[in-house]
PDB file of N, CA and C in Angstrom:
ATOM      1  N   MET A   1       0.844  -1.178  -0.008  1.00  0.00           N
ATOM      2  CA  MET A   1       0.004  -0.018  -0.025  1.00  0.00           C
ATOM      3  C   MET A   1       0.886   1.237   0.010  1.00  0.00           C
ATOM      4  N   ALA A   2       0.417   2.290  -0.610  1.00  0.00           N
ATOM      5  CA  ALA A   2       1.171   3.533  -0.641  1.00  0.00           C
ATOM      6  C   ALA A   2       1.132   4.239   0.686  1.00  0.00           C
ATOM      7  N   GLU A   3       2.133   5.065   0.927  1.00  0.00           N
ATOM      8  CA  GLU A   3       2.135   5.823   2.148  1.00  0.00           C
ATOM      9  C   GLU A   3       2.599   7.231   1.844  1.00  0.00           C
ATOM     10  N   ILE A   4       2.190   8.154   2.686  1.00  0.00           N
ATOM     11  CA  ILE A   4       2.549   9.560   2.487  1.00  0.00           C
ATOM     12  C   ILE A   4       3.743   9.869   3.393  1.00  0.00           C
ATOM     13  N   GLN A   5       4.832  10.378   2.822  1.00  0.00           N
ATOM     14  CA  GLN A   5       6.005  10.747   3.557  1.00  0.00           C
ATOM     15  C   GLN A   5       6.497  12.085   3.025  1.00  0.00           C
ATOM     16  N   ALA A   6       6.773  13.021   3.927  1.00  0.00           N
ATOM     17  CA  ALA A   6       7.371  14.305   3.564  1.00  0.00           C
ATOM     18  C   ALA A   6       6.602  14.999   2.434  1.00  0.00           C
ATOM     19  N   GLY A   7       5.294  14.947   2.482  1.00  0.00           N
ATOM     20  CA  GLY A   7       4.480  15.668   1.522  1.00  0.00           C
ATOM     21  C   GLY A   7       4.327  14.984   0.180  1.00  0.00           C
ATOM     22  N   ARG A   8       4.750  13.707   0.079  1.00  0.00           N
ATOM     23  CA  ARG A   8       4.677  13.023  -1.179  1.00  0.00           C
ATOM     24  C   ARG A   8       3.974  11.686  -0.989  1.00  0.00           C
ATOM     25  N   LEU A   9       3.194  11.333  -1.969  1.00  0.00           N
ATOM     26  CA  LEU A   9       2.558  10.032  -1.986  1.00  0.00           C
ATOM     27  C   LEU A   9       3.534   9.084  -2.622  1.00  0.00           C
ATOM     28  N   MET A  10       4.057   8.174  -1.838  1.00  0.00           N
ATOM     29  CA  MET A  10       5.133   7.274  -2.320  1.00  0.00           C
ATOM     30  C   MET A  10       4.560   5.999  -2.905  1.00  0.00           C
ATOM     31  N   ASN A  11       4.952   5.658  -4.080  1.00  0.00           N
ATOM     32  CA  ASN A  11       4.527   4.450  -4.735  1.00  0.00           C
ATOM     33  C   ASN A  11       5.402   3.306  -4.201  1.00  0.00           C
ATOM     34  N   PRO A  12       4.813   2.235  -3.700  1.00  0.00           N
ATOM     35  CA  PRO A  12       5.615   1.165  -3.108  1.00  0.00           C
ATOM     36  C   PRO A  12       6.467   0.413  -4.138  1.00  0.00           C
ATOM     37  N   ARG A  13       6.200   0.592  -5.429  1.00  0.00           N
ATOM     38  CA  ARG A  13       6.979  -0.124  -6.443  1.00  0.00           C
ATOM     39  C   ARG A  13       8.209   0.714  -6.863  1.00  0.00           C
ATOM     40  N   SER A  14       8.500   1.791  -6.151  1.00  0.00           N
ATOM     41  CA  SER A  14       9.715   2.615  -6.433  1.00  0.00           C
ATOM     42  C   SER A  14       9.777   3.100  -7.858  1.00  0.00           C
ATOM     43  N   VAL A  15       8.705   3.759  -8.300  1.00  0.00           N
ATOM     44  CA  VAL A  15       8.681   4.338  -9.627  1.00  0.00           C
ATOM     45  C   VAL A  15       9.611   5.549  -9.625  1.00  0.00           C
ATOM     46  N   PRO A  16      10.032   6.030 -10.776  1.00  0.00           N
ATOM     47  CA  PRO A  16      10.944   7.193 -10.853  1.00  0.00           C
ATOM     48  C   PRO A  16      10.343   8.422 -10.174  1.00  0.00           C
ATOM     49  N   GLU A  17      11.196   9.300  -9.725  1.00  0.00           N
ATOM     50  CA  GLU A  17      10.758  10.523  -9.019  1.00  0.00           C
ATOM     51  C   GLU A  17       9.688  11.280  -9.788  1.00  0.00           C
ATOM     52  N   ALA A  18       9.785  11.302 -11.102  1.00  0.00           N
ATOM     53  CA  ALA A  18       8.840  12.077 -11.913  1.00  0.00           C
ATOM     54  C   ALA A  18       7.409  11.575 -11.794  1.00  0.00           C
ATOM     55  N   ASN A  19       7.213  10.340 -11.321  1.00  0.00           N
ATOM     56  CA  ASN A  19       5.890   9.754 -11.231  1.00  0.00           C
ATOM     57  C   ASN A  19       5.267   9.896  -9.866  1.00  0.00           C
ATOM     58  N   TYR A  20       5.947  10.517  -8.909  1.00  0.00           N
ATOM     59  CA  TYR A  20       5.362  10.714  -7.591  1.00  0.00           C
ATOM     60  C   TYR A  20       4.288  11.769  -7.645  1.00  0.00           C
ATOM     61  N   VAL A  21       3.286  11.613  -6.834  1.00  0.00           N
ATOM     62  CA  VAL A  21       2.248  12.593  -6.769  1.00  0.00           C
ATOM     63  C   VAL A  21       2.436  13.407  -5.510  1.00  0.00           C
ATOM     64  N   PHE A  22       2.408  14.705  -5.633  1.00  0.00           N
ATOM     65  CA  PHE A  22       2.613  15.603  -4.496  1.00  0.00           C
ATOM     66  C   PHE A  22       1.239  15.785  -3.841  1.00  0.00           C
ATOM     67  N   ALA A  23       0.758  14.770  -3.190  1.00  0.00           N
ATOM     68  CA  ALA A  23      -0.584  14.721  -2.659  1.00  0.00           C
ATOM     69  C   ALA A  23      -0.911  15.781  -1.631  1.00  0.00           C
ATOM     70  N   GLN A  24      -0.128  15.874  -0.618  1.00  0.00           N
ATOM     71  CA  GLN A  24      -0.429  16.818   0.425  1.00  0.00           C
ATOM     72  C   GLN A  24      -0.371  18.261  -0.073  1.00  0.00           C
ATOM     73  N   GLU A  25       0.620  18.551  -0.927  1.00  0.00           N
ATOM     74  CA  GLU A  25       0.753  19.892  -1.440  1.00  0.00           C
ATOM     75  C   GLU A  25      -0.445  20.262  -2.332  1.00  0.00           C
ATOM     76  N   ALA A  26      -0.899  19.324  -3.140  1.00  0.00           N
ATOM     77  CA  ALA A  26      -2.043  19.574  -3.999  1.00  0.00           C
ATOM     78  C   ALA A  26      -3.320  19.719  -3.164  1.00  0.00           C
ATOM     79  N   ALA A  27      -3.453  18.907  -2.148  1.00  0.00           N
ATOM     80  CA  ALA A  27      -4.665  18.982  -1.321  1.00  0.00           C
ATOM     81  C   ALA A  27      -4.711  20.231  -0.488  1.00  0.00           C
ATOM     82  N   ALA A  28      -3.573  20.833  -0.185  1.00  0.00           N
ATOM     83  CA  ALA A  28      -3.539  22.006   0.665  1.00  0.00           C
ATOM     84  C   ALA A  28      -3.947  23.270  -0.084  1.00  0.00           C
ATOM     85  N   LYS A  29      -3.862  23.270  -1.424  1.00  0.00           N
ATOM     86  CA  LYS A  29      -4.210  24.449  -2.183  1.00  0.00           C
ATOM     87  C   LYS A  29      -5.716  24.444  -2.505  1.00  0.00           C
ATOM     88  N   PRO A  30      -6.386  25.528  -2.188  1.00  0.00           N
ATOM     89  CA  PRO A  30      -7.827  25.557  -2.499  1.00  0.00           C
ATOM     90  C   PRO A  30      -8.067  25.600  -3.997  1.00  0.00           C
ATOM     91  N   ILE A  31      -9.098  24.915  -4.436  1.00  0.00           N
ATOM     92  CA  ILE A  31      -9.474  24.890  -5.841  1.00  0.00           C
ATOM     93  C   ILE A  31     -10.637  25.837  -6.016  1.00  0.00           C
ATOM     94  N   SER A  32     -10.488  26.864  -6.819  1.00  0.00           N
ATOM     95  CA  SER A  32     -11.545  27.852  -6.962  1.00  0.00           C
ATOM     96  C   SER A  32     -12.430  27.558  -8.160  1.00  0.00           C
ATOM     97  N   LEU A  33     -11.968  26.855  -9.145  1.00  0.00           N
ATOM     98  CA  LEU A  33     -12.757  26.534 -10.318  1.00  0.00           C
ATOM     99  C   LEU A  33     -13.005  25.016 -10.325  1.00  0.00           C
ATOM    100  N   PRO A  34     -14.086  24.586 -10.976  1.00  0.00           N
ATOM    101  CA  PRO A  34     -14.308  23.169 -11.106  1.00  0.00           C
ATOM    102  C   PRO A  34     -13.128  22.540 -11.913  1.00  0.00           C
ATOM    103  N   VAL A  35     -12.523  21.521 -11.397  1.00  0.00           N
ATOM    104  CA  VAL A  35     -11.401  20.900 -12.037  1.00  0.00           C
ATOM    105  C   VAL A  35     -11.819  19.468 -12.418  1.00  0.00           C
ATOM    106  N   ASN A  36     -11.643  19.149 -13.710  1.00  0.00           N
ATOM    107  CA  ASN A  36     -11.859  17.807 -14.178  1.00  0.00           C
ATOM    108  C   ASN A  36     -10.532  17.158 -14.482  1.00  0.00           C
ATOM    109  N   LEU A  37     -10.331  15.960 -13.965  1.00  0.00           N
ATOM    110  CA  LEU A  37      -9.051  15.308 -14.156  1.00  0.00           C
ATOM    111  C   LEU A  37      -9.302  13.954 -14.835  1.00  0.00           C
ATOM    112  N   LEU A  38      -8.546  13.654 -15.856  1.00  0.00           N
ATOM    113  CA  LEU A  38      -8.554  12.358 -16.527  1.00  0.00           C
ATOM    114  C   LEU A  38      -7.287  11.631 -16.170  1.00  0.00           C
ATOM    115  N   VAL A  39      -7.388  10.521 -15.442  1.00  0.00           N
ATOM    116  CA  VAL A  39      -6.252   9.721 -15.066  1.00  0.00           C
ATOM    117  C   VAL A  39      -6.099   8.606 -16.059  1.00  0.00           C
ATOM    118  N   VAL A  40      -4.874   8.480 -16.642  1.00  0.00           N
ATOM    119  CA  VAL A  40      -4.602   7.435 -17.620  1.00  0.00           C
ATOM    120  C   VAL A  40      -3.439   6.610 -17.143  1.00  0.00           C
ATOM    121  N   ASP A  41      -3.699   5.345 -16.843  1.00  0.00           N
ATOM    122  CA  ASP A  41      -2.656   4.449 -16.404  1.00  0.00           C
ATOM    123  C   ASP A  41      -3.150   3.017 -16.591  1.00  0.00           C
ATOM    124  N   ASP A  42      -2.301   2.127 -16.997  1.00  0.00           N
ATOM    125  CA  ASP A  42      -2.714   0.726 -17.208  1.00  0.00           C
ATOM    126  C   ASP A  42      -2.805  -0.030 -15.909  1.00  0.00           C
ATOM    127  N   ASP A  43      -2.329   0.534 -14.794  1.00  0.00           N
ATOM    128  CA  ASP A  43      -2.370  -0.141 -13.536  1.00  0.00           C
ATOM    129  C   ASP A  43      -3.607   0.360 -12.753  1.00  0.00           C
ATOM    130  N   ALA A  44      -4.527  -0.570 -12.481  1.00  0.00           N
ATOM    131  CA  ALA A  44      -5.754  -0.194 -11.802  1.00  0.00           C
ATOM    132  C   ALA A  44      -5.510   0.412 -10.394  1.00  0.00           C
ATOM    133  N   HIS A  45      -4.496  -0.099  -9.699  1.00  0.00           N
ATOM    134  CA  HIS A  45      -4.188   0.418  -8.372  1.00  0.00           C
ATOM    135  C   HIS A  45      -3.709   1.869  -8.437  1.00  0.00           C
ATOM    136  N   VAL A  46      -2.887   2.181  -9.434  1.00  0.00           N
ATOM    137  CA  VAL A  46      -2.412   3.582  -9.620  1.00  0.00           C
ATOM    138  C   VAL A  46      -3.591   4.490  -9.943  1.00  0.00           C
ATOM    139  N   ARG A  47      -4.465   4.025 -10.849  1.00  0.00           N
ATOM    140  CA  ARG A  47      -5.642   4.844 -11.210  1.00  0.00           C
ATOM    141  C   ARG A  47      -6.515   5.119  -9.936  1.00  0.00           C
ATOM    142  N   GLU A  48      -6.734   4.127  -9.149  1.00  0.00           N
ATOM    143  CA  GLU A  48      -7.571   4.261  -7.972  1.00  0.00           C
ATOM    144  C   GLU A  48      -6.908   5.199  -6.951  1.00  0.00           C
ATOM    145  N   LEU A  49      -5.608   5.074  -6.780  1.00  0.00           N
ATOM    146  CA  LEU A  49      -4.896   5.948  -5.870  1.00  0.00           C
ATOM    147  C   LEU A  49      -4.989   7.423  -6.341  1.00  0.00           C
ATOM    148  N   CYS A  50      -4.724   7.658  -7.603  1.00  0.00           N
ATOM    149  CA  CYS A  50      -4.825   9.026  -8.153  1.00  0.00           C
ATOM    150  C   CYS A  50      -6.232   9.556  -8.048  1.00  0.00           C
ATOM    151  N   ARG A  51      -7.219   8.691  -8.330  1.00  0.00           N
ATOM    152  CA  ARG A  51      -8.595   9.088  -8.249  1.00  0.00           C
ATOM    153  C   ARG A  51      -8.971   9.511  -6.801  1.00  0.00           C
ATOM    154  N   SER A  52      -8.560   8.723  -5.833  1.00  0.00           N
ATOM    155  CA  SER A  52      -8.866   9.026  -4.431  1.00  0.00           C
ATOM    156  C   SER A  52      -8.272  10.323  -3.998  1.00  0.00           C
ATOM    157  N   VAL A  53      -6.992  10.591  -4.299  1.00  0.00           N
ATOM    158  CA  VAL A  53      -6.350  11.801  -3.914  1.00  0.00           C
ATOM    159  C   VAL A  53      -6.985  12.996  -4.559  1.00  0.00           C
ATOM    160  N   ALA A  54      -7.286  12.918  -5.856  1.00  0.00           N
ATOM    161  CA  ALA A  54      -7.863  14.012  -6.579  1.00  0.00           C
ATOM    162  C   ALA A  54      -9.324  14.322  -6.087  1.00  0.00           C
ATOM    163  N   MET A  55     -10.059  13.278  -5.798  1.00  0.00           N
ATOM    164  CA  MET A  55     -11.418  13.474  -5.320  1.00  0.00           C
ATOM    165  C   MET A  55     -11.413  14.127  -3.924  1.00  0.00           C
ATOM    166  N   GLU A  56     -10.463  13.739  -3.098  1.00  0.00           N
ATOM    167  CA  GLU A  56     -10.326  14.382  -1.777  1.00  0.00           C
ATOM    168  C   GLU A  56     -10.015  15.851  -1.916  1.00  0.00           C
ATOM    169  N   SER A  57      -9.399  16.267  -3.012  1.00  0.00           N
ATOM    170  CA  SER A  57      -9.064  17.647  -3.284  1.00  0.00           C
ATOM    171  C   SER A  57     -10.209  18.397  -3.940  1.00  0.00           C
ATOM    172  N   GLY A  58     -11.311  17.707  -4.163  1.00  0.00           N
ATOM    173  CA  GLY A  58     -12.478  18.384  -4.744  1.00  0.00           C
ATOM    174  C   GLY A  58     -12.585  18.291  -6.271  1.00  0.00           C
ATOM    175  N   MET A  59     -11.774  17.493  -6.900  1.00  0.00           N
ATOM    176  CA  MET A  59     -11.814  17.380  -8.353  1.00  0.00           C
ATOM    177  C   MET A  59     -12.830  16.357  -8.798  1.00  0.00           C
ATOM    178  N   LYS A  60     -13.334  16.572 -10.001  1.00  0.00           N
ATOM    179  CA  LYS A  60     -14.145  15.548 -10.685  1.00  0.00           C
ATOM    180  C   LYS A  60     -13.173  14.676 -11.457  1.00  0.00           C
ATOM    181  N   VAL A  61     -13.254  13.372 -11.258  1.00  0.00           N
ATOM    182  CA  VAL A  61     -12.250  12.481 -11.833  1.00  0.00           C
ATOM    183  C   VAL A  61     -12.846  11.385 -12.679  1.00  0.00           C
ATOM    184  N   SER A  62     -12.220  11.170 -13.859  1.00  0.00           N
ATOM    185  CA  SER A  62     -12.500  10.028 -14.695  1.00  0.00           C
ATOM    186  C   SER A  62     -11.164   9.277 -14.854  1.00  0.00           C
ATOM    187  N   ASP A  63     -11.291   7.983 -15.086  1.00  0.00           N
ATOM    188  CA  ASP A  63     -10.049   7.252 -15.326  1.00  0.00           C
ATOM    189  C   ASP A  63     -10.236   6.217 -16.401  1.00  0.00           C
ATOM    190  N   VAL A  64      -9.164   5.998 -17.157  1.00  0.00           N
ATOM    191  CA  VAL A  64      -9.123   5.025 -18.231  1.00  0.00           C
ATOM    192  C   VAL A  64      -7.758   4.336 -18.196  1.00  0.00           C
ATOM    193  N   SER A  65      -7.687   3.196 -18.901  1.00  0.00           N
ATOM    194  CA  SER A  65      -6.435   2.429 -18.818  1.00  0.00           C
ATOM    195  C   SER A  65      -5.572   2.524 -20.053  1.00  0.00           C
ATOM    196  N   THR A  66      -6.049   3.129 -21.114  1.00  0.00           N
ATOM    197  CA  THR A  66      -5.242   3.222 -22.334  1.00  0.00           C
ATOM    198  C   THR A  66      -5.310   4.630 -22.920  1.00  0.00           C
ATOM    199  N   ALA A  67      -4.282   4.909 -23.766  1.00  0.00           N
ATOM    200  CA  ALA A  67      -4.296   6.211 -24.473  1.00  0.00           C
ATOM    201  C   ALA A  67      -5.460   6.318 -25.454  1.00  0.00           C
ATOM    202  N   GLU A  68      -5.825   5.228 -26.028  1.00  0.00           N
ATOM    203  CA  GLU A  68      -6.952   5.232 -26.970  1.00  0.00           C
ATOM    204  C   GLU A  68      -8.261   5.629 -26.245  1.00  0.00           C
ATOM    205  N   GLU A  69      -8.468   5.090 -25.063  1.00  0.00           N
ATOM    206  CA  GLU A  69      -9.632   5.424 -24.267  1.00  0.00           C
ATOM    207  C   GLU A  69      -9.598   6.896 -23.857  1.00  0.00           C
ATOM    208  N   ALA A  70      -8.391   7.393 -23.537  1.00  0.00           N
ATOM    209  CA  ALA A  70      -8.279   8.776 -23.157  1.00  0.00           C
ATOM    210  C   ALA A  70      -8.634   9.703 -24.313  1.00  0.00           C
ATOM    211  N   LEU A  71      -8.232   9.333 -25.519  1.00  0.00           N
ATOM    212  CA  LEU A  71      -8.619  10.159 -26.688  1.00  0.00           C
ATOM    213  C   LEU A  71     -10.100  10.113 -26.908  1.00  0.00           C
ATOM    214  N   GLU A  72     -10.700   8.945 -26.769  1.00  0.00           N
ATOM    215  CA  GLU A  72     -12.185   8.853 -26.917  1.00  0.00           C
ATOM    216  C   GLU A  72     -12.899   9.734 -25.926  1.00  0.00           C
ATOM    217  N   VAL A  73     -12.530   9.673 -24.672  1.00  0.00           N
ATOM    218  CA  VAL A  73     -13.157  10.465 -23.613  1.00  0.00           C
ATOM    219  C   VAL A  73     -12.985  11.931 -23.939  1.00  0.00           C
ATOM    220  N   THR A  74     -11.762  12.309 -24.248  1.00  0.00           N
ATOM    221  CA  THR A  74     -11.474  13.746 -24.543  1.00  0.00           C
ATOM    222  C   THR A  74     -12.261  14.245 -25.738  1.00  0.00           C
ATOM    223  N   CYS A  75     -12.307  13.498 -26.814  1.00  0.00           N
ATOM    224  CA  CYS A  75     -13.060  13.913 -28.025  1.00  0.00           C
ATOM    225  C   CYS A  75     -14.566  14.000 -27.674  1.00  0.00           C
ATOM    226  N   HIS A  76     -15.063  13.052 -26.941  1.00  0.00           N
ATOM    227  CA  HIS A  76     -16.466  13.071 -26.575  1.00  0.00           C
ATOM    228  C   HIS A  76     -16.811  14.334 -25.754  1.00  0.00           C
ATOM    229  N   ARG A  77     -15.955  14.655 -24.810  1.00  0.00           N
ATOM    230  CA  ARG A  77     -16.184  15.871 -24.002  1.00  0.00           C
ATOM    231  C   ARG A  77     -16.101  17.148 -24.820  1.00  0.00           C
ATOM    232  N   ILE A  78     -15.197  17.216 -25.793  1.00  0.00           N
ATOM    233  CA  ILE A  78     -15.097  18.380 -26.657  1.00  0.00           C
ATOM    234  C   ILE A  78     -16.356  18.514 -27.492  1.00  0.00           C
ATOM    235  N   GLU A  79     -16.829  17.380 -28.022  1.00  0.00           N
ATOM    236  CA  GLU A  79     -18.087  17.406 -28.803  1.00  0.00           C
ATOM    237  C   GLU A  79     -19.258  17.919 -27.981  1.00  0.00           C
ATOM    238  N   ARG A  80     -19.351  17.416 -26.748  1.00  0.00           N
ATOM    239  CA  ARG A  80     -20.447  17.853 -25.877  1.00  0.00           C
ATOM    240  C   ARG A  80     -20.384  19.361 -25.582  1.00  0.00           C
ATOM    241  N   GLN A  81     -19.195  19.879 -25.417  1.00  0.00           N
ATOM    242  CA  GLN A  81     -19.041  21.320 -25.097  1.00  0.00           C
ATOM    243  C   GLN A  81     -19.446  22.160 -26.301  1.00  0.00           C
ATOM    244  N   ARG A  82     -19.272  21.688 -27.517  1.00  0.00           N
ATOM    245  CA  ARG A  82     -19.593  22.437 -28.734  1.00  0.00           C
ATOM    246  C   ARG A  82     -21.072  22.531 -28.968  1.00  0.00           C
ATOM    247  N   ARG A  83     -21.857  21.632 -28.338  1.00  0.00           N
ATOM    248  CA  ARG A  83     -23.325  21.627 -28.584  1.00  0.00           C
ATOM    249  C   ARG A  83     -23.993  22.691 -27.808  1.00  0.00           C
TER     250      ARG A  83
END
């Protein structure tokens, strides 16, 4: 299971530094606008972890497991906004 240390959500699989989520720092900043986040990762545990942290911060979250799905979701949302 992941743990939070020194303001960072640490992935137990020791992923590179660039993949760490700065969970506490993000949660500490107030969100003034509605924020929609699309999480894309092939690992269901990573998606759920990102989803949980983002939702706790007040974001609306969707998640998909492939780039193709991400493009579909994004295109669908753009089409809806144009209507």
